[in-house]
Protein backbone atom coordinates (compact mmCIF):
# COMPACT_ATOMS: atom_id res chain seq x y z
CA MET A 1 49.34 -55.78 117.32
CA THR A 2 51.86 -57.35 114.94
CA GLN A 3 51.25 -57.37 111.21
CA ALA A 4 50.83 -60.77 109.54
CA ARG A 5 53.78 -61.72 107.39
CA ARG A 6 53.30 -62.13 103.68
CA HIS A 7 54.83 -65.25 102.15
CA GLU A 8 55.97 -65.89 98.62
CA THR A 9 53.68 -67.68 96.17
CA THR A 10 54.45 -68.97 92.68
CA ALA A 11 53.04 -66.85 89.87
CA THR A 12 51.32 -68.40 86.86
CA THR A 13 53.40 -67.41 83.84
CA GLY A 14 53.99 -68.72 80.34
CA ASN A 15 56.85 -69.60 78.04
CA GLY A 16 58.13 -66.37 76.56
CA TYR A 17 59.28 -67.87 73.28
CA THR A 18 55.85 -69.27 72.49
CA MET A 19 54.08 -66.03 73.39
CA ALA A 20 56.61 -63.98 71.43
CA ALA A 21 55.80 -66.09 68.36
CA VAL A 22 52.08 -65.52 68.95
CA GLY A 23 52.51 -61.75 69.24
CA ILE A 24 54.70 -61.48 66.17
CA ALA A 25 52.30 -63.68 64.16
CA ALA A 26 49.36 -61.45 65.12
CA MET A 27 51.15 -58.32 64.00
CA LEU A 28 52.30 -59.97 60.77
CA ALA A 29 48.70 -61.01 60.10
CA GLY A 30 47.61 -57.38 60.49
CA LEU A 31 50.31 -56.27 58.07
CA ALA A 32 49.22 -58.97 55.64
CA LEU A 33 45.63 -57.70 55.70
CA LEU A 34 46.80 -54.21 54.93
CA GLY A 35 49.13 -55.40 52.22
CA LEU A 36 46.47 -57.47 50.52
CA LYS A 37 43.99 -54.59 50.75
CA MET A 38 41.54 -56.87 52.49
CA ALA A 39 40.78 -54.33 55.18
CA VAL A 40 37.67 -53.07 53.45
CA GLY A 41 35.07 -51.37 55.54
CA LEU A 42 34.78 -50.91 59.26
CA ALA A 43 35.02 -54.63 60.03
CA GLY A 44 38.31 -54.99 58.18
CA LEU A 45 39.79 -51.95 59.92
CA LEU A 46 38.72 -53.24 63.29
CA ALA A 47 40.32 -56.61 62.53
CA VAL A 48 43.66 -54.97 61.66
CA VAL A 49 43.56 -52.79 64.77
CA ALA A 50 42.68 -55.79 66.91
CA LEU A 51 45.58 -57.81 65.50
CA PHE A 52 48.06 -54.98 66.08
CA VAL A 53 46.80 -54.17 69.57
CA GLY A 54 46.60 -57.83 70.54
CA GLY A 55 50.09 -58.54 69.21
CA GLY A 56 51.47 -55.48 71.02
CA LEU A 57 49.89 -56.52 74.30
CA VAL A 58 51.27 -60.03 73.99
CA LEU A 59 54.78 -58.68 73.32
CA ALA A 60 54.41 -56.21 76.20
CA GLY A 61 54.04 -59.10 78.62
CA LEU A 62 57.51 -60.49 77.80
CA TYR A 63 60.40 -60.23 80.27
CA MET A 64 63.68 -62.05 80.79
CA LEU A 65 65.16 -63.54 83.98
CA GLN A 66 68.81 -64.37 84.58
CA PRO A 67 69.92 -67.36 86.71
CA ASN A 68 69.26 -66.72 90.42
CA GLU A 69 66.88 -63.86 89.63
CA ALA A 70 63.18 -63.53 90.38
CA ALA A 71 60.35 -61.33 89.13
CA ILE A 72 57.75 -60.14 91.64
CA LEU A 73 54.43 -59.58 89.87
CA THR A 74 51.74 -57.15 91.06
CA LEU A 75 48.43 -56.09 89.56
CA PHE A 76 47.29 -52.58 90.50
CA GLY A 77 49.22 -52.82 93.77
CA GLN A 78 48.10 -56.34 94.66
CA TYR A 79 50.75 -59.06 94.96
CA VAL A 80 50.12 -61.80 92.38
CA GLY A 81 53.14 -64.07 92.79
CA THR A 82 56.83 -64.57 92.12
CA ASP A 83 58.40 -66.13 89.03
CA ARG A 84 61.82 -67.75 89.57
CA ARG A 85 62.12 -69.55 86.21
CA GLU A 86 65.02 -68.23 84.15
CA GLY A 87 64.91 -67.35 80.47
CA LEU A 88 62.33 -65.51 78.38
CA ARG A 89 59.04 -65.47 80.29
CA TRP A 90 55.56 -64.07 79.71
CA ALA A 91 52.91 -62.81 82.08
CA ASN A 92 49.76 -60.74 81.89
CA PRO A 93 50.85 -57.46 80.21
CA PHE A 94 48.99 -55.51 82.90
CA TYR A 95 51.20 -57.05 85.58
CA LYS A 96 53.95 -54.87 86.93
CA HIS A 97 57.08 -56.92 87.49
CA ARG A 98 60.05 -56.01 89.64
CA LYS A 99 63.24 -58.04 89.33
CA LEU A 100 65.10 -59.12 92.44
CA SER A 101 68.48 -60.85 92.72
CA LEU A 102 68.58 -64.14 94.63
CA ARG A 103 72.37 -64.37 94.58
CA ALA A 104 74.54 -64.48 97.71
CA ARG A 105 75.66 -61.06 98.89
CA ASN A 106 78.45 -59.91 101.19
CA LEU A 107 77.95 -57.40 103.99
CA ASN A 108 81.20 -56.06 105.40
CA ALA A 109 79.94 -54.53 108.63
CA PRO A 110 81.95 -51.47 109.72
CA THR A 111 84.16 -51.72 112.77
CA LEU A 112 82.11 -50.92 115.86
CA LYS A 113 83.26 -49.74 119.27
CA VAL A 114 81.27 -51.65 121.91
CA ASN A 115 81.62 -52.91 125.47
CA ASP A 116 82.23 -56.59 126.12
CA LYS A 117 80.77 -58.63 128.98
CA ARG A 118 83.25 -57.10 131.47
CA GLY A 119 82.49 -53.58 130.26
CA ASN A 120 85.83 -53.16 128.47
CA PRO A 121 85.64 -51.13 125.25
CA VAL A 122 86.55 -53.27 122.24
CA GLU A 123 86.51 -52.85 118.48
CA ILE A 124 84.66 -55.54 116.55
CA GLY A 125 83.67 -56.06 112.92
CA ALA A 126 82.09 -58.92 110.98
CA VAL A 127 81.49 -60.20 107.45
CA VAL A 128 78.02 -61.59 106.73
CA VAL A 129 77.03 -63.63 103.67
CA TRP A 130 73.29 -63.49 103.00
CA ARG A 131 70.66 -63.84 100.29
CA VAL A 132 66.94 -63.29 99.80
CA ARG A 133 64.91 -66.37 100.70
CA ASP A 134 61.34 -65.04 100.49
CA THR A 135 60.86 -62.31 97.88
CA ALA A 136 57.41 -61.28 99.13
CA GLN A 137 58.68 -60.64 102.65
CA ALA A 138 61.76 -58.80 101.38
CA LEU A 139 59.70 -56.33 99.33
CA PHE A 140 56.44 -55.99 101.25
CA ASP A 141 57.20 -56.63 104.95
CA VAL A 142 60.09 -54.15 105.30
CA ASP A 143 60.62 -50.77 103.67
CA ASP A 144 64.15 -51.32 102.29
CA PHE A 145 65.44 -54.84 102.91
CA GLU A 146 69.09 -54.02 102.07
CA ARG A 147 69.20 -51.15 104.57
CA TYR A 148 67.27 -53.32 107.03
CA VAL A 149 69.97 -56.01 106.78
CA GLY A 150 72.73 -53.47 107.42
CA VAL A 151 71.07 -51.93 110.47
CA GLN A 152 70.08 -55.26 112.02
CA ALA A 153 73.56 -56.68 111.43
CA GLU A 154 75.07 -53.81 113.40
CA ALA A 155 72.57 -54.35 116.23
CA ALA A 156 73.31 -58.09 116.29
CA ILE A 157 77.09 -57.52 116.48
CA ARG A 158 76.67 -55.05 119.35
CA HIS A 159 74.46 -57.49 121.24
CA LEU A 160 76.87 -60.37 120.62
CA ALA A 161 79.84 -58.42 121.96
CA SER A 162 78.00 -57.69 125.20
CA MET A 163 77.39 -61.43 125.75
CA TYR A 164 81.07 -62.48 125.75
CA ALA A 165 84.25 -61.28 127.38
CA TYR A 166 87.11 -60.35 125.09
CA ASP A 167 89.56 -62.77 126.69
CA ASP A 168 89.92 -65.23 129.56
CA GLY A 169 90.02 -63.94 133.10
CA GLU A 170 89.62 -64.94 136.72
CA ASP A 171 85.98 -63.79 136.79
CA LEU A 172 84.94 -66.21 134.02
CA ALA A 173 83.64 -69.71 134.65
CA HIS A 174 85.79 -72.61 133.54
CA GLY A 175 85.25 -73.40 129.87
CA GLU A 176 83.27 -70.21 129.18
CA ASN A 177 83.67 -68.97 125.60
CA THR A 178 85.29 -65.64 124.83
CA LEU A 179 85.37 -63.48 121.73
CA ARG A 180 89.03 -64.25 121.10
CA GLY A 181 89.16 -67.85 122.27
CA GLY A 182 85.78 -69.28 121.21
CA VAL A 183 85.81 -68.38 117.52
CA ASP A 184 83.58 -71.26 116.41
CA ALA A 185 81.02 -70.83 119.18
CA VAL A 186 80.91 -67.06 118.67
CA SER A 187 80.39 -67.50 114.91
CA ILE A 188 77.48 -69.90 115.51
CA ALA A 189 75.92 -67.49 118.02
CA LEU A 190 76.34 -64.62 115.56
CA ARG A 191 74.63 -66.54 112.75
CA GLU A 192 71.71 -67.44 115.02
CA GLU A 193 71.38 -63.83 116.20
CA LEU A 194 71.43 -62.53 112.64
CA GLN A 195 68.95 -65.12 111.39
CA ASN A 196 66.47 -64.25 114.13
CA ARG A 197 66.66 -60.60 113.11
CA PHE A 198 66.60 -61.22 109.33
CA ASP A 199 63.57 -63.54 109.36
CA ALA A 200 61.20 -60.58 109.22
CA ALA A 201 62.72 -59.55 105.88
CA GLY A 202 62.76 -63.02 104.34
CA VAL A 203 66.58 -63.07 104.31
CA GLU A 204 68.74 -66.15 104.91
CA VAL A 205 72.16 -66.00 106.58
CA LEU A 206 74.66 -68.23 104.79
CA ASP A 207 77.74 -67.43 106.87
CA ALA A 208 78.98 -64.92 109.44
CA LYS A 209 82.49 -64.45 110.80
CA ILE A 210 84.25 -61.95 113.04
CA SER A 211 86.61 -60.04 110.76
CA HIS A 212 88.13 -57.59 113.25
CA LEU A 213 88.62 -57.85 117.01
CA ALA A 214 90.81 -55.67 119.22
CA TYR A 215 90.78 -53.66 122.40
CA ALA A 216 89.90 -49.99 121.97
CA PRO A 217 93.02 -47.78 121.67
CA GLU A 218 92.51 -46.11 125.06
CA ILE A 219 92.93 -49.39 126.96
CA ALA A 220 94.97 -51.44 124.48
CA GLN A 221 98.32 -50.81 126.22
CA VAL A 222 96.90 -51.53 129.67
CA MET A 223 95.31 -54.78 128.50
CA LEU A 224 98.56 -55.77 126.76
CA ARG A 225 100.45 -55.38 130.03
CA ARG A 226 97.76 -57.42 131.80
CA GLN A 227 98.06 -60.19 129.24
CA GLN A 228 101.85 -60.12 129.59
CA ALA A 229 101.54 -60.35 133.38
CA GLU A 230 99.13 -63.28 133.10
CA ALA A 231 101.53 -65.02 130.70
CA ILE A 232 104.46 -64.49 133.08
CA ILE A 233 102.46 -65.83 136.03
CA SER A 234 101.41 -68.88 134.04
CA ALA A 235 104.98 -69.53 132.94
CA ARG A 236 106.28 -69.13 136.49
CA ALA A 237 103.68 -71.59 137.77
CA LYS A 238 104.83 -74.20 135.26
CA ILE A 239 108.50 -73.55 136.12
CA VAL A 240 107.87 -73.92 139.86
CA HIS A 241 105.84 -77.10 139.30
CA GLY A 242 108.63 -78.57 137.21
CA ALA A 243 111.29 -77.50 139.71
CA VAL A 244 109.45 -79.11 142.62
CA THR A 245 109.13 -82.33 140.64
CA MET A 246 112.85 -82.32 139.84
CA VAL A 247 113.85 -81.63 143.46
CA GLU A 248 111.55 -84.40 144.67
CA ALA A 249 113.11 -86.81 142.16
CA ALA A 250 116.63 -85.75 143.21
CA LEU A 251 115.97 -86.29 146.94
CA LYS A 252 114.29 -89.62 146.24
CA GLY A 253 117.22 -90.78 144.09
CA LEU A 254 119.80 -89.82 146.72
CA SER A 255 117.83 -91.61 149.42
CA GLU A 256 117.24 -94.80 147.42
CA ARG A 257 120.85 -95.10 146.27
CA GLN A 258 122.16 -94.16 149.72
CA ILE A 259 124.68 -91.78 148.17
CA VAL A 260 124.50 -89.32 151.03
CA HIS A 261 122.42 -89.07 154.18
CA LEU A 262 120.90 -85.67 154.88
CA ASP A 263 119.02 -84.53 157.91
CA ASP A 264 115.95 -82.32 157.63
CA GLU A 265 117.94 -79.10 157.92
CA ARG A 266 120.31 -80.04 155.08
CA LYS A 267 117.44 -81.28 152.95
CA ALA A 268 115.78 -77.91 153.40
CA ALA A 269 118.98 -76.12 152.42
CA MET A 270 119.38 -78.38 149.37
CA VAL A 271 115.78 -77.84 148.33
CA SER A 272 116.20 -74.08 148.68
CA ASN A 273 119.37 -74.04 146.59
CA LEU A 274 117.88 -76.24 143.87
CA LEU A 275 114.74 -74.16 143.64
CA VAL A 276 116.81 -70.99 143.33
CA VAL A 277 118.83 -72.54 140.51
CA LEU A 278 115.84 -74.00 138.68
CA CYS A 279 113.40 -71.11 139.12
CA SER A 280 115.73 -68.16 138.62
CA ASP A 281 115.43 -66.29 135.34
CA LYS A 282 119.13 -65.36 135.52
CA GLU A 283 122.24 -67.48 135.55
CA THR A 284 123.33 -68.49 139.04
CA GLN A 285 126.91 -68.36 140.30
CA PRO A 286 128.01 -71.61 141.91
CA ILE A 287 129.89 -71.52 145.25
CA ILE A 288 132.21 -74.43 145.95
CA ASN A 289 132.26 -75.60 149.55
CA THR A 290 135.72 -77.05 150.34
CA GLY A 291 134.74 -78.03 153.84
CA THR A 292 132.09 -80.38 155.13
CA LEU A 293 128.35 -80.08 154.75
CA TYR A 294 128.19 -78.47 158.18
CA ASN A 295 131.01 -75.90 157.75
C-alpha cells in the first residue's frame, strides 16, 4: 500500500518588522515600569514579568528569509505550512522552522559504465539542473532528498543507456535515435525519466544533458576499427556510384556525338578501364595503344 503524498501549503505568518517593534515596545514598557518604580506589589511585578516574557516570545518568533528561500514550519512534529516570502518574517514562537533553498542546483553525475541497447559496454555521464518544487514532499516524503536525487539520477542514466544504441548499425531501424546521433531526443528522454523519478521528492528537473559518452576502454579500439570500416565502405559506395554515373555519361556522349562506334565487347572493356581509373585509391599508369582498338 503506497503512502499518500504530502503537498505544500502556505503558512500564516506576519510581517517581522511590525512584530519586532511590538516585542521591543513590550520590553521597553517593562523597563519603564521598573525605572519609574511603579512595580509595587504583586500585581506590578506580574505586569513587568508579563511584559518581558511577552516581548521575548514575540522576538523569538522572528526569522529572516533570503530570496529563493523557504521556511518549513512545524508545531510539535506536525506540519503547519511553508513560508516563501523573503525578508524579516514572524510566526508563532512555538513553531520550529527549517530553512530550505529553492535555488537551482547542479548535479554532475559521475561517469557510469553501463551496457547500451546492443549490450556494448559504454561510459556515460550527465549534468542535471534541478530545484525543489514542493518543500513538504522534499522534507517529509523522502528521508534525504539530496541523496535521493543523486541515487535516482544514476538509476535514470543507467536505464536510459540501455534503451539506445551507442551508434548507428545495421541492426537498427531507419531513423532510430542513438546516444551519439540523437542528442536532442536523448536529452528529452533523460529529462522525462528524471522527472518521473524526482516527482516523489517534490523536485523539478530544469535541464539534463549528456556530459560524457564513450566506449569502454576494453572495446574502444575494436569499435574504432569498426567505425573506420563503416566509413570506408560508405565512401567506397559513393565513389562507385559516382564512377558509374560518369561512365554512363561518357558512353552516352560518345554515342550521341557519333565520335566512335563501339561494340558490346569494347564497351565492356572501356567501362572496366574507366571504373578502375575512377575507383582506384592509387594513381593508375596509362598504357598507350599505338595500334587499333582490336590489336
